[in-house]
Amino acid sequence: MKGATRDFLRVVVAVVLGAQLALAFAISGSSAAAPLPPLSIAVIGDQNTAGMNNRVVWPTLMAERTGWAVSNYAQPEAGFAADDSGGKSFSYQVDRAQAGRPKVILLATGTADASMHVMEAVTVGAVDAINKAVRTGHQVAVVGPIWYENPVPDSIWRVNDAVENAAERAGVPYFNAVDPPLLSAALMQSDLSGPSDQGQSVIAERIAAWLRTEVVR
């Protein structure tokens, strides 16, 4: 009788251990099989990012080439201070981007800010947009004004310096796109109003490479 009891207990223990092992394998297997969600990036910008007479724009190309989930909130003639007809400035764009809960908010500086005679408004706008994104727990990265020729106009340099200083003070990565210029005249549309489709492709490649080294950890 005692032998039978011992045999019964051995069977029970074996069954319990087997069930535990099966459960452990099932959990580990399901964890390994679950794909990680793609990196989500919200892009803030002006017409160089929104596109003007373009078939493709660099945020879309960057998403296609990397597998990242990229949302484009850019508006023509927008900037840290420039606001065109209203509601387009980068601060407003950040508000809209935050609703999508991206991991990264990427601010691509607008050339419309070069029309500002006093850079204080650009500085204030840059500090506001960057800090607004940082405070809500987003990773933030900043791209300087995208330019295409040498010498770079003083007005573009002033925007670059103001935004770069704001990024440095906030401790967020900054991509300098004027020293040297990211594009060339050959990569612009014929009237130089914005990047051509080939220029958009170059921007996508360069910014994706920079994000991999400076932002994506």
N, C-alpha and C. Protein backbone atom coordinates (compact mmCIF):
# COMPACT_ATOMS: atom_id res chain seq x y z
N MET A 1 0.83 -1.22 0.00
CA MET A 1 0.00 0.00 0.00
C MET A 1 0.86 1.25 0.00
N LYS A 2 1.94 1.17 0.81
CA LYS A 2 2.83 2.33 0.85
C LYS A 2 3.50 2.53 -0.50
N GLY A 3 3.88 1.43 -1.14
CA GLY A 3 4.51 1.54 -2.45
C GLY A 3 3.58 2.17 -3.47
N ALA A 4 2.32 1.78 -3.41
CA ALA A 4 1.34 2.34 -4.34
C ALA A 4 1.16 3.84 -4.11
N THR A 5 1.18 4.24 -2.83
CA THR A 5 1.05 5.67 -2.50
C THR A 5 2.22 6.46 -3.05
N ARG A 6 3.43 5.87 -2.87
CA ARG A 6 4.63 6.56 -3.39
C ARG A 6 4.56 6.69 -4.91
N ASP A 7 4.12 5.66 -5.57
CA ASP A 7 4.01 5.71 -7.03
C ASP A 7 3.00 6.78 -7.46
N PHE A 8 1.90 6.86 -6.70
CA PHE A 8 0.87 7.86 -7.02
C PHE A 8 1.41 9.27 -6.87
N LEU A 9 2.17 9.49 -5.77
CA LEU A 9 2.75 10.81 -5.53
C LEU A 9 3.75 11.18 -6.62
N ARG A 10 4.53 10.16 -7.05
CA ARG A 10 5.50 10.44 -8.13
C ARG A 10 4.78 10.88 -9.40
N VAL A 11 3.67 10.22 -9.67
CA VAL A 11 2.90 10.58 -10.86
C VAL A 11 2.36 12.00 -10.76
N VAL A 12 1.82 12.33 -9.57
CA VAL A 12 1.28 13.67 -9.36
C VAL A 12 2.36 14.73 -9.53
N VAL A 13 3.53 14.48 -8.90
CA VAL A 13 4.64 15.44 -9.00
C VAL A 13 5.08 15.60 -10.45
N ALA A 14 5.17 14.49 -11.16
CA ALA A 14 5.59 14.54 -12.57
C ALA A 14 4.61 15.34 -13.41
N VAL A 15 3.32 15.12 -13.14
CA VAL A 15 2.30 15.86 -13.90
C VAL A 15 2.38 17.35 -13.62
N VAL A 16 2.54 17.71 -12.33
CA VAL A 16 2.63 19.13 -11.96
C VAL A 16 3.85 19.77 -12.59
N LEU A 17 5.01 19.10 -12.50
CA LEU A 17 6.24 19.65 -13.09
C LEU A 17 6.11 19.79 -14.60
N GLY A 18 5.49 18.78 -15.21
CA GLY A 18 5.31 18.86 -16.66
C GLY A 18 4.43 20.03 -17.06
N ALA A 19 3.38 20.26 -16.29
CA ALA A 19 2.48 21.38 -16.58
C ALA A 19 3.19 22.71 -16.41
N GLN A 20 4.02 22.81 -15.37
CA GLN A 20 4.77 24.04 -15.14
C GLN A 20 5.75 24.32 -16.27
N LEU A 21 6.45 23.25 -16.70
CA LEU A 21 7.41 23.41 -17.80
C LEU A 21 6.69 23.82 -19.09
N ALA A 22 5.56 23.19 -19.35
CA ALA A 22 4.80 23.54 -20.56
C ALA A 22 4.35 24.98 -20.53
N LEU A 23 3.90 25.43 -19.35
CA LEU A 23 3.47 26.82 -19.22
C LEU A 23 4.63 27.78 -19.41
N ALA A 24 5.79 27.43 -18.84
CA ALA A 24 6.97 28.29 -18.98
C ALA A 24 7.39 28.41 -20.43
N PHE A 25 7.38 27.26 -21.16
CA PHE A 25 7.74 27.29 -22.57
C PHE A 25 6.73 28.10 -23.38
N ALA A 26 5.47 27.97 -23.03
CA ALA A 26 4.43 28.72 -23.76
C ALA A 26 4.60 30.21 -23.57
N ILE A 27 4.91 30.61 -22.32
CA ILE A 27 5.10 32.05 -22.05
C ILE A 27 6.32 32.58 -22.76
N SER A 28 7.43 31.84 -22.66
CA SER A 28 8.67 32.31 -23.31
C SER A 28 8.51 32.33 -24.82
N GLY A 29 7.80 31.33 -25.35
CA GLY A 29 7.59 31.29 -26.79
C GLY A 29 6.75 32.43 -27.27
N SER A 30 5.69 32.76 -26.54
CA SER A 30 4.83 33.87 -26.95
C SER A 30 5.55 35.19 -26.83
N SER A 31 6.43 35.32 -25.81
CA SER A 31 7.19 36.56 -25.65
C SER A 31 8.17 36.75 -26.78
N ALA A 32 8.83 35.65 -27.16
CA ALA A 32 9.82 35.74 -28.24
C ALA A 32 9.15 36.04 -29.56
N ALA A 33 7.92 35.53 -29.74
CA ALA A 33 7.25 35.71 -31.02
C ALA A 33 6.62 37.09 -31.16
N ALA A 34 6.36 37.78 -30.05
CA ALA A 34 5.69 39.08 -30.12
C ALA A 34 6.65 40.13 -30.70
N PRO A 35 6.33 40.71 -31.86
CA PRO A 35 7.22 41.70 -32.45
C PRO A 35 7.18 43.01 -31.69
N LEU A 36 8.31 43.68 -31.64
CA LEU A 36 8.36 44.99 -31.01
C LEU A 36 7.65 46.01 -31.90
N PRO A 37 6.92 46.94 -31.31
CA PRO A 37 6.28 47.96 -32.15
C PRO A 37 7.33 48.84 -32.80
N PRO A 38 7.06 49.37 -34.00
CA PRO A 38 8.05 50.22 -34.67
C PRO A 38 8.26 51.53 -33.91
N LEU A 39 9.44 52.09 -34.06
CA LEU A 39 9.72 53.40 -33.46
C LEU A 39 8.76 54.42 -34.05
N SER A 40 8.07 55.17 -33.19
CA SER A 40 7.11 56.16 -33.66
C SER A 40 7.72 57.56 -33.58
N ILE A 41 7.66 58.27 -34.69
CA ILE A 41 8.26 59.60 -34.80
C ILE A 41 7.23 60.57 -35.36
N ALA A 42 7.08 61.71 -34.72
CA ALA A 42 6.24 62.79 -35.24
C ALA A 42 7.15 63.89 -35.75
N VAL A 43 6.96 64.29 -37.00
CA VAL A 43 7.83 65.29 -37.62
C VAL A 43 7.10 66.62 -37.69
N ILE A 44 7.78 67.65 -37.20
CA ILE A 44 7.29 69.03 -37.23
C ILE A 44 8.13 69.78 -38.26
N GLY A 45 7.51 70.62 -39.09
CA GLY A 45 8.34 71.30 -40.08
C GLY A 45 7.58 72.30 -40.93
N ASP A 46 8.26 72.74 -42.00
CA ASP A 46 7.70 73.72 -42.93
C ASP A 46 7.49 73.07 -44.30
N GLN A 47 7.51 73.88 -45.37
CA GLN A 47 7.24 73.35 -46.70
C GLN A 47 8.31 72.37 -47.18
N ASN A 48 9.54 72.47 -46.66
CA ASN A 48 10.57 71.52 -47.04
C ASN A 48 10.22 70.11 -46.56
N THR A 49 9.40 70.04 -45.52
CA THR A 49 8.97 68.77 -44.94
C THR A 49 7.56 68.40 -45.40
N ALA A 50 6.68 69.38 -45.51
CA ALA A 50 5.32 69.13 -45.98
C ALA A 50 5.29 68.83 -47.47
N GLY A 51 6.27 69.42 -48.21
CA GLY A 51 6.34 69.23 -49.65
C GLY A 51 5.65 70.35 -50.41
N MET A 52 6.27 70.73 -51.52
CA MET A 52 5.68 71.70 -52.45
C MET A 52 5.97 71.19 -53.85
N ASN A 53 4.90 70.78 -54.54
CA ASN A 53 5.05 70.20 -55.88
C ASN A 53 5.94 68.96 -55.85
N ASN A 54 5.86 68.22 -54.76
CA ASN A 54 6.62 66.98 -54.63
C ASN A 54 5.69 65.77 -54.74
N ARG A 55 6.20 64.70 -55.34
CA ARG A 55 5.46 63.44 -55.34
C ARG A 55 5.72 62.66 -54.06
N VAL A 56 6.88 62.90 -53.46
CA VAL A 56 7.24 62.23 -52.21
C VAL A 56 7.87 63.27 -51.28
N VAL A 57 7.80 63.00 -49.98
CA VAL A 57 8.46 63.88 -49.01
C VAL A 57 9.32 63.01 -48.08
N TRP A 58 10.32 63.63 -47.49
CA TRP A 58 11.31 62.84 -46.76
C TRP A 58 10.78 62.06 -45.56
N PRO A 59 9.79 62.56 -44.80
CA PRO A 59 9.28 61.71 -43.70
C PRO A 59 8.69 60.39 -44.20
N THR A 60 7.97 60.45 -45.33
CA THR A 60 7.38 59.23 -45.90
C THR A 60 8.47 58.28 -46.38
N LEU A 61 9.47 58.82 -47.07
CA LEU A 61 10.58 57.99 -47.55
C LEU A 61 11.35 57.37 -46.38
N MET A 62 11.54 58.14 -45.32
CA MET A 62 12.26 57.63 -44.16
C MET A 62 11.49 56.47 -43.53
N ALA A 63 10.18 56.58 -43.47
CA ALA A 63 9.35 55.49 -42.92
C ALA A 63 9.46 54.24 -43.78
N GLU A 64 9.41 54.42 -45.09
CA GLU A 64 9.48 53.27 -46.00
C GLU A 64 10.82 52.55 -45.88
N ARG A 65 11.90 53.31 -45.68
CA ARG A 65 13.23 52.72 -45.70
C ARG A 65 13.64 52.13 -44.35
N THR A 66 13.03 52.59 -43.28
CA THR A 66 13.46 52.15 -41.95
C THR A 66 12.46 51.25 -41.25
N GLY A 67 11.19 51.31 -41.66
CA GLY A 67 10.15 50.59 -40.94
C GLY A 67 9.61 51.35 -39.75
N TRP A 68 10.10 52.58 -39.54
CA TRP A 68 9.59 53.39 -38.44
C TRP A 68 8.19 53.90 -38.77
N ALA A 69 7.41 54.17 -37.74
CA ALA A 69 6.08 54.76 -37.92
C ALA A 69 6.24 56.28 -37.84
N VAL A 70 6.20 56.95 -38.99
CA VAL A 70 6.49 58.38 -39.05
C VAL A 70 5.22 59.15 -39.43
N SER A 71 4.84 60.10 -38.60
CA SER A 71 3.69 60.97 -38.87
C SER A 71 4.21 62.37 -39.20
N ASN A 72 3.65 62.97 -40.23
CA ASN A 72 4.13 64.26 -40.72
C ASN A 72 3.10 65.35 -40.41
N TYR A 73 3.47 66.27 -39.51
CA TYR A 73 2.57 67.35 -39.11
C TYR A 73 2.98 68.70 -39.72
N ALA A 74 3.93 68.69 -40.64
CA ALA A 74 4.49 69.93 -41.18
C ALA A 74 3.46 70.75 -41.95
N GLN A 75 3.65 72.08 -41.89
CA GLN A 75 2.78 73.02 -42.59
C GLN A 75 3.65 74.01 -43.36
N PRO A 76 3.27 74.36 -44.60
CA PRO A 76 4.05 75.35 -45.37
C PRO A 76 4.15 76.69 -44.64
N GLU A 77 5.31 77.31 -44.78
CA GLU A 77 5.57 78.65 -44.23
C GLU A 77 5.44 78.70 -42.72
N ALA A 78 5.65 77.58 -42.05
CA ALA A 78 5.60 77.55 -40.59
C ALA A 78 7.01 77.58 -40.03
N GLY A 79 7.12 77.92 -38.76
CA GLY A 79 8.43 77.94 -38.10
C GLY A 79 8.24 78.06 -36.60
N PHE A 80 9.33 78.26 -35.92
CA PHE A 80 9.24 78.46 -34.47
C PHE A 80 8.54 79.78 -34.17
N ALA A 81 8.75 80.78 -35.02
CA ALA A 81 8.08 82.07 -34.87
C ALA A 81 7.09 82.31 -36.01
N ALA A 82 7.47 81.94 -37.24
CA ALA A 82 6.61 82.14 -38.40
C ALA A 82 5.33 81.32 -38.25
N ASP A 83 4.19 81.91 -38.62
CA ASP A 83 2.91 81.24 -38.42
C ASP A 83 1.97 81.41 -39.59
N ASP A 84 2.45 81.97 -40.71
CA ASP A 84 1.67 82.13 -41.93
C ASP A 84 0.28 82.69 -41.59
N SER A 85 -0.78 81.91 -41.86
CA SER A 85 -2.13 82.41 -41.64
C SER A 85 -2.66 82.11 -40.24
N GLY A 86 -1.82 81.52 -39.39
CA GLY A 86 -2.22 81.24 -38.01
C GLY A 86 -2.45 79.77 -37.73
N GLY A 87 -2.05 79.35 -36.53
CA GLY A 87 -2.27 77.97 -36.13
C GLY A 87 -1.31 76.97 -36.75
N LYS A 88 -0.22 77.47 -37.38
CA LYS A 88 0.71 76.57 -38.06
C LYS A 88 2.07 76.50 -37.38
N SER A 89 2.35 77.40 -36.48
CA SER A 89 3.69 77.45 -35.88
C SER A 89 4.02 76.11 -35.23
N PHE A 90 5.32 75.92 -34.97
CA PHE A 90 5.77 74.63 -34.45
C PHE A 90 5.15 74.31 -33.09
N SER A 91 4.85 75.31 -32.30
CA SER A 91 4.21 75.05 -31.01
C SER A 91 2.84 74.40 -31.21
N TYR A 92 2.07 74.90 -32.20
CA TYR A 92 0.77 74.29 -32.50
C TYR A 92 0.95 72.89 -33.06
N GLN A 93 1.96 72.72 -33.91
CA GLN A 93 2.21 71.40 -34.49
C GLN A 93 2.58 70.38 -33.40
N VAL A 94 3.36 70.82 -32.42
CA VAL A 94 3.71 69.92 -31.31
C VAL A 94 2.45 69.51 -30.56
N ASP A 95 1.55 70.45 -30.33
CA ASP A 95 0.28 70.11 -29.65
C ASP A 95 -0.44 68.98 -30.40
N ARG A 96 -0.52 69.10 -31.72
CA ARG A 96 -1.23 68.07 -32.51
C ARG A 96 -0.46 66.75 -32.50
N ALA A 97 0.86 66.85 -32.56
CA ALA A 97 1.68 65.63 -32.59
C ALA A 97 1.56 64.85 -31.28
N GLN A 98 1.49 65.55 -30.16
CA GLN A 98 1.45 64.89 -28.87
C GLN A 98 0.21 64.01 -28.72
N ALA A 99 -0.85 64.37 -29.40
CA ALA A 99 -2.08 63.56 -29.32
C ALA A 99 -1.87 62.15 -29.85
N GLY A 100 -0.88 62.00 -30.77
CA GLY A 100 -0.59 60.69 -31.33
C GLY A 100 0.35 59.84 -30.49
N ARG A 101 0.85 60.42 -29.39
CA ARG A 101 1.74 59.73 -28.45
C ARG A 101 2.96 59.10 -29.13
N PRO A 102 3.70 59.86 -29.89
CA PRO A 102 4.92 59.30 -30.51
C PRO A 102 6.02 59.17 -29.47
N LYS A 103 7.00 58.35 -29.77
CA LYS A 103 8.16 58.23 -28.89
C LYS A 103 9.09 59.42 -29.09
N VAL A 104 9.25 59.84 -30.36
CA VAL A 104 10.17 60.92 -30.71
C VAL A 104 9.41 62.04 -31.40
N ILE A 105 9.70 63.27 -31.01
CA ILE A 105 9.22 64.44 -31.75
C ILE A 105 10.43 65.09 -32.41
N LEU A 106 10.40 65.14 -33.72
CA LEU A 106 11.51 65.65 -34.52
C LEU A 106 11.13 67.00 -35.11
N LEU A 107 11.84 68.03 -34.69
CA LEU A 107 11.55 69.40 -35.13
C LEU A 107 12.52 69.79 -36.24
N ALA A 108 11.99 69.98 -37.46
CA ALA A 108 12.81 70.36 -38.61
C ALA A 108 12.62 71.85 -38.87
N THR A 109 13.60 72.64 -38.49
CA THR A 109 13.51 74.10 -38.49
C THR A 109 13.07 74.65 -39.84
N GLY A 110 12.17 75.63 -39.81
CA GLY A 110 11.65 76.23 -41.04
C GLY A 110 12.47 77.42 -41.50
N THR A 111 12.61 77.55 -42.80
CA THR A 111 13.34 78.70 -43.36
C THR A 111 12.51 79.98 -43.30
N ALA A 112 11.19 79.85 -43.07
CA ALA A 112 10.35 81.06 -42.97
C ALA A 112 10.78 81.92 -41.79
N ASP A 113 11.41 81.32 -40.79
CA ASP A 113 11.87 82.10 -39.64
C ASP A 113 12.97 83.09 -40.02
N ALA A 114 13.59 82.88 -41.20
CA ALA A 114 14.64 83.80 -41.65
C ALA A 114 14.09 85.18 -41.97
N SER A 115 12.77 85.26 -42.14
CA SER A 115 12.16 86.57 -42.43
C SER A 115 12.00 87.42 -41.18
N MET A 116 12.22 86.83 -40.01
CA MET A 116 12.11 87.57 -38.76
C MET A 116 13.34 88.47 -38.59
N HIS A 117 13.10 89.76 -38.37
CA HIS A 117 14.21 90.70 -38.26
C HIS A 117 14.90 90.58 -36.90
N VAL A 118 14.17 90.14 -35.90
CA VAL A 118 14.73 89.96 -34.57
C VAL A 118 14.62 88.48 -34.21
N MET A 119 15.75 87.89 -33.86
CA MET A 119 15.78 86.46 -33.59
C MET A 119 15.21 86.09 -32.23
N GLU A 120 14.88 87.06 -31.40
CA GLU A 120 14.35 86.74 -30.09
C GLU A 120 13.06 85.92 -30.20
N ALA A 121 12.22 86.27 -31.19
CA ALA A 121 10.96 85.53 -31.36
C ALA A 121 11.23 84.08 -31.75
N VAL A 122 12.26 83.85 -32.56
CA VAL A 122 12.62 82.49 -32.96
C VAL A 122 13.15 81.72 -31.74
N THR A 123 13.99 82.38 -30.96
CA THR A 123 14.53 81.74 -29.76
C THR A 123 13.42 81.35 -28.79
N VAL A 124 12.52 82.28 -28.55
CA VAL A 124 11.41 82.03 -27.62
C VAL A 124 10.54 80.88 -28.15
N GLY A 125 10.26 80.89 -29.45
CA GLY A 125 9.45 79.82 -30.04
C GLY A 125 10.12 78.47 -29.98
N ALA A 126 11.45 78.46 -30.21
CA ALA A 126 12.20 77.20 -30.15
C ALA A 126 12.21 76.64 -28.74
N VAL A 127 12.48 77.49 -27.76
CA VAL A 127 12.49 77.06 -26.36
C VAL A 127 11.12 76.52 -25.97
N ASP A 128 10.05 77.20 -26.38
CA ASP A 128 8.70 76.78 -26.04
C ASP A 128 8.37 75.41 -26.65
N ALA A 129 8.64 75.24 -27.95
CA ALA A 129 8.29 73.99 -28.63
C ALA A 129 9.11 72.82 -28.09
N ILE A 130 10.41 73.04 -27.89
CA ILE A 130 11.28 71.97 -27.39
C ILE A 130 10.87 71.57 -25.97
N ASN A 131 10.71 72.56 -25.11
CA ASN A 131 10.38 72.25 -23.71
C ASN A 131 9.00 71.62 -23.57
N LYS A 132 8.06 72.04 -24.41
CA LYS A 132 6.72 71.47 -24.37
C LYS A 132 6.78 69.97 -24.65
N ALA A 133 7.60 69.57 -25.62
CA ALA A 133 7.74 68.15 -25.95
C ALA A 133 8.52 67.40 -24.87
N VAL A 134 9.56 68.02 -24.35
CA VAL A 134 10.38 67.37 -23.31
C VAL A 134 9.57 67.14 -22.05
N ARG A 135 8.78 68.14 -21.65
CA ARG A 135 8.01 68.04 -20.40
C ARG A 135 7.02 66.89 -20.42
N THR A 136 6.54 66.51 -21.59
CA THR A 136 5.56 65.44 -21.68
C THR A 136 6.22 64.08 -21.91
N GLY A 137 7.53 64.02 -21.74
CA GLY A 137 8.23 62.74 -21.75
C GLY A 137 8.65 62.22 -23.10
N HIS A 138 8.57 63.05 -24.14
CA HIS A 138 8.99 62.61 -25.46
C HIS A 138 10.50 62.78 -25.64
N GLN A 139 11.09 61.89 -26.43
CA GLN A 139 12.44 62.17 -26.91
C GLN A 139 12.32 63.27 -27.95
N VAL A 140 13.26 64.20 -27.93
CA VAL A 140 13.21 65.33 -28.86
C VAL A 140 14.52 65.42 -29.62
N ALA A 141 14.42 65.69 -30.90
CA ALA A 141 15.59 65.94 -31.73
C ALA A 141 15.26 67.11 -32.65
N VAL A 142 16.28 67.89 -33.00
CA VAL A 142 16.06 69.10 -33.78
C VAL A 142 16.97 69.11 -35.00
N VAL A 143 16.39 69.40 -36.15
CA VAL A 143 17.14 69.58 -37.40
C VAL A 143 17.17 71.07 -37.71
N GLY A 144 18.33 71.59 -38.01
CA GLY A 144 18.45 73.01 -38.35
C GLY A 144 17.83 73.31 -39.70
N PRO A 145 17.80 74.59 -40.09
CA PRO A 145 17.21 74.95 -41.38
C PRO A 145 17.94 74.24 -42.53
N ILE A 146 17.17 73.66 -43.43
CA ILE A 146 17.75 72.92 -44.56
C ILE A 146 18.10 73.90 -45.66
N TRP A 147 19.38 73.88 -46.06
CA TRP A 147 19.84 74.85 -47.06
C TRP A 147 20.60 74.14 -48.18
N TYR A 148 20.92 74.93 -49.26
CA TYR A 148 21.39 74.29 -50.49
C TYR A 148 22.58 74.97 -51.18
N GLU A 149 23.12 76.04 -50.65
CA GLU A 149 24.19 76.72 -51.38
C GLU A 149 25.14 77.41 -50.41
N ASN A 150 26.33 77.69 -50.93
CA ASN A 150 27.32 78.51 -50.23
C ASN A 150 27.56 79.77 -51.04
N PRO A 151 27.76 80.93 -50.40
CA PRO A 151 27.69 81.10 -48.95
C PRO A 151 26.24 81.07 -48.45
N VAL A 152 26.09 80.58 -47.24
CA VAL A 152 24.77 80.53 -46.61
C VAL A 152 24.38 81.95 -46.21
N PRO A 153 23.19 82.42 -46.54
CA PRO A 153 22.77 83.79 -46.18
C PRO A 153 22.84 84.02 -44.67
N ASP A 154 23.15 85.26 -44.30
CA ASP A 154 23.22 85.60 -42.87
C ASP A 154 21.90 85.32 -42.16
N SER A 155 20.78 85.54 -42.84
CA SER A 155 19.48 85.33 -42.22
C SER A 155 19.28 83.86 -41.84
N ILE A 156 19.77 82.95 -42.67
CA ILE A 156 19.67 81.52 -42.38
C ILE A 156 20.61 81.15 -41.24
N TRP A 157 21.81 81.73 -41.25
CA TRP A 157 22.76 81.49 -40.16
C TRP A 157 22.17 81.93 -38.82
N ARG A 158 21.49 83.08 -38.81
CA ARG A 158 20.93 83.58 -37.55
C ARG A 158 19.88 82.61 -37.00
N VAL A 159 19.05 82.06 -37.89
CA VAL A 159 18.05 81.08 -37.45
C VAL A 159 18.76 79.83 -36.93
N ASN A 160 19.74 79.35 -37.68
CA ASN A 160 20.48 78.16 -37.26
C ASN A 160 21.08 78.35 -35.86
N ASP A 161 21.73 79.48 -35.65
CA ASP A 161 22.40 79.72 -34.37
C ASP A 161 21.39 79.82 -33.22
N ALA A 162 20.27 80.50 -33.46
CA ALA A 162 19.26 80.66 -32.41
C ALA A 162 18.67 79.31 -32.00
N VAL A 163 18.34 78.49 -33.00
CA VAL A 163 17.72 77.20 -32.70
C VAL A 163 18.74 76.22 -32.11
N GLU A 164 19.96 76.25 -32.63
CA GLU A 164 21.00 75.37 -32.09
C GLU A 164 21.27 75.68 -30.61
N ASN A 165 21.32 76.96 -30.28
CA ASN A 165 21.53 77.34 -28.87
C ASN A 165 20.38 76.86 -27.99
N ALA A 166 19.15 76.96 -28.49
CA ALA A 166 18.00 76.50 -27.71
C ALA A 166 18.07 74.99 -27.51
N ALA A 167 18.47 74.25 -28.54
CA ALA A 167 18.58 72.80 -28.43
C ALA A 167 19.68 72.41 -27.44
N GLU A 168 20.80 73.11 -27.51
CA GLU A 168 21.91 72.81 -26.60
C GLU A 168 21.51 73.07 -25.15
N ARG A 169 20.79 74.16 -24.91
CA ARG A 169 20.37 74.46 -23.54
C ARG A 169 19.40 73.40 -23.02
N ALA A 170 18.59 72.85 -23.92
CA ALA A 170 17.63 71.83 -23.50
C ALA A 170 18.27 70.44 -23.45
N GLY A 171 19.49 70.32 -23.97
CA GLY A 171 20.18 69.04 -23.95
C GLY A 171 19.63 68.02 -24.94
N VAL A 172 19.14 68.50 -26.09
CA VAL A 172 18.60 67.58 -27.10
C VAL A 172 19.49 67.60 -28.34
N PRO A 173 19.56 66.50 -29.09
CA PRO A 173 20.44 66.42 -30.27
C PRO A 173 20.05 67.45 -31.33
N TYR A 174 21.09 67.97 -32.01
CA TYR A 174 20.86 68.98 -33.06
C TYR A 174 21.63 68.58 -34.31
N PHE A 175 20.94 68.60 -35.45
CA PHE A 175 21.55 68.29 -36.74
C PHE A 175 21.76 69.59 -37.50
N ASN A 176 23.02 69.95 -37.73
CA ASN A 176 23.34 71.19 -38.45
C ASN A 176 23.26 70.91 -39.95
N ALA A 177 22.29 71.54 -40.63
CA ALA A 177 22.06 71.29 -42.05
C ALA A 177 22.57 72.43 -42.94
N VAL A 178 23.34 73.35 -42.35
CA VAL A 178 23.89 74.46 -43.15
C VAL A 178 25.41 74.45 -43.21
N ASP A 179 26.06 73.69 -42.36
CA ASP A 179 27.53 73.68 -42.32
C ASP A 179 28.07 72.26 -42.37
N PRO A 180 28.25 71.68 -43.58
CA PRO A 180 27.94 72.27 -44.89
C PRO A 180 26.45 72.15 -45.21
N PRO A 181 25.99 72.87 -46.25
CA PRO A 181 24.58 72.75 -46.62
C PRO A 181 24.21 71.30 -46.93
N LEU A 182 23.07 70.88 -46.45
CA LEU A 182 22.63 69.50 -46.65
C LEU A 182 22.37 69.20 -48.12
N LEU A 183 21.86 70.17 -48.85
CA LEU A 183 21.52 69.98 -50.26
C LEU A 183 22.42 70.83 -51.15
N SER A 184 22.21 70.70 -52.45
CA SER A 184 22.85 71.56 -53.45
C SER A 184 21.74 72.11 -54.35
N ALA A 185 22.08 73.09 -55.17
CA ALA A 185 21.08 73.66 -56.07
C ALA A 185 20.50 72.60 -57.00
N ALA A 186 21.31 71.60 -57.33
CA ALA A 186 20.86 70.53 -58.23
C ALA A 186 19.79 69.66 -57.59
N LEU A 187 19.68 69.71 -56.27
CA LEU A 187 18.69 68.91 -55.55
C LEU A 187 17.46 69.74 -55.17
N MET A 188 17.39 70.96 -55.72
CA MET A 188 16.24 71.83 -55.47
C MET A 188 15.35 71.87 -56.71
N GLN A 189 14.11 72.31 -56.53
CA GLN A 189 13.24 72.53 -57.67
C GLN A 189 13.79 73.68 -58.51
N SER A 190 13.35 73.79 -59.74
CA SER A 190 13.94 74.75 -60.67
C SER A 190 13.85 76.19 -60.18
N ASP A 191 12.81 76.52 -59.41
CA ASP A 191 12.67 77.88 -58.90
C ASP A 191 13.27 78.03 -57.49
N LEU A 192 13.93 76.97 -57.01
CA LEU A 192 14.59 76.95 -55.69
C LEU A 192 13.61 77.12 -54.53
N SER A 193 12.32 76.85 -54.79
CA SER A 193 11.31 77.03 -53.73
C SER A 193 11.35 75.92 -52.69
N GLY A 194 11.97 74.82 -53.02
CA GLY A 194 12.05 73.70 -52.09
C GLY A 194 12.79 72.54 -52.70
N PRO A 195 13.04 71.50 -51.94
CA PRO A 195 13.76 70.34 -52.47
C PRO A 195 12.98 69.64 -53.58
N SER A 196 13.70 69.14 -54.57
CA SER A 196 13.09 68.27 -55.58
C SER A 196 12.82 66.91 -54.94
N ASP A 197 12.21 66.00 -55.70
CA ASP A 197 11.99 64.66 -55.16
C ASP A 197 13.32 63.99 -54.83
N GLN A 198 14.34 64.22 -55.66
CA GLN A 198 15.66 63.68 -55.36
C GLN A 198 16.23 64.30 -54.09
N GLY A 199 15.99 65.59 -53.94
CA GLY A 199 16.43 66.27 -52.72
C GLY A 199 15.73 65.71 -51.48
N GLN A 200 14.43 65.43 -51.60
CA GLN A 200 13.70 64.82 -50.50
C GLN A 200 14.30 63.47 -50.13
N SER A 201 14.73 62.72 -51.14
CA SER A 201 15.35 61.41 -50.90
C SER A 201 16.65 61.56 -50.13
N VAL A 202 17.45 62.55 -50.49
CA VAL A 202 18.72 62.79 -49.79
C VAL A 202 18.46 63.18 -48.34
N ILE A 203 17.48 64.06 -48.12
CA ILE A 203 17.15 64.46 -46.75
C ILE A 203 16.75 63.25 -45.92
N ALA A 204 15.90 62.38 -46.48
CA ALA A 204 15.46 61.18 -45.76
C ALA A 204 16.64 60.31 -45.36
N GLU A 205 17.56 60.12 -46.28
CA GLU A 205 18.73 59.27 -46.01
C GLU A 205 19.61 59.85 -44.92
N ARG A 206 19.89 61.14 -45.02
CA ARG A 206 20.81 61.78 -44.07
C ARG A 206 20.20 61.87 -42.67
N ILE A 207 18.94 62.22 -42.59
CA ILE A 207 18.31 62.36 -41.27
C ILE A 207 18.12 61.00 -40.62
N ALA A 208 17.76 59.99 -41.39
CA ALA A 208 17.62 58.64 -40.82
C ALA A 208 18.94 58.15 -40.26
N ALA A 209 20.03 58.39 -40.99
CA ALA A 209 21.35 57.97 -40.51
C ALA A 209 21.71 58.70 -39.21
N TRP A 210 21.40 59.97 -39.15
CA TRP A 210 21.68 60.76 -37.94
C TRP A 210 20.84 60.28 -36.76
N LEU A 211 19.56 60.01 -37.00
CA LEU A 211 18.70 59.54 -35.92
C LEU A 211 19.19 58.21 -35.36
N ARG A 212 19.70 57.34 -36.22
CA ARG A 212 20.20 56.05 -35.75
C ARG A 212 21.37 56.22 -34.79
N THR A 213 22.20 57.22 -35.01
CA THR A 213 23.38 57.39 -34.15
C THR A 213 23.13 58.29 -32.95
N GLU A 214 22.23 59.26 -33.08
CA GLU A 214 22.04 60.26 -32.03
C GLU A 214 20.78 60.09 -31.19
N VAL A 215 19.79 59.39 -31.73
CA VAL A 215 18.50 59.35 -31.05
C VAL A 215 18.06 57.92 -30.77
N VAL A 216 18.12 57.05 -31.76
CA VAL A 216 17.64 55.69 -31.60
C VAL A 216 18.67 54.87 -30.86
N ARG A 217 18.38 54.53 -29.60
CA ARG A 217 19.34 53.80 -28.74
C ARG A 217 18.87 52.37 -28.53
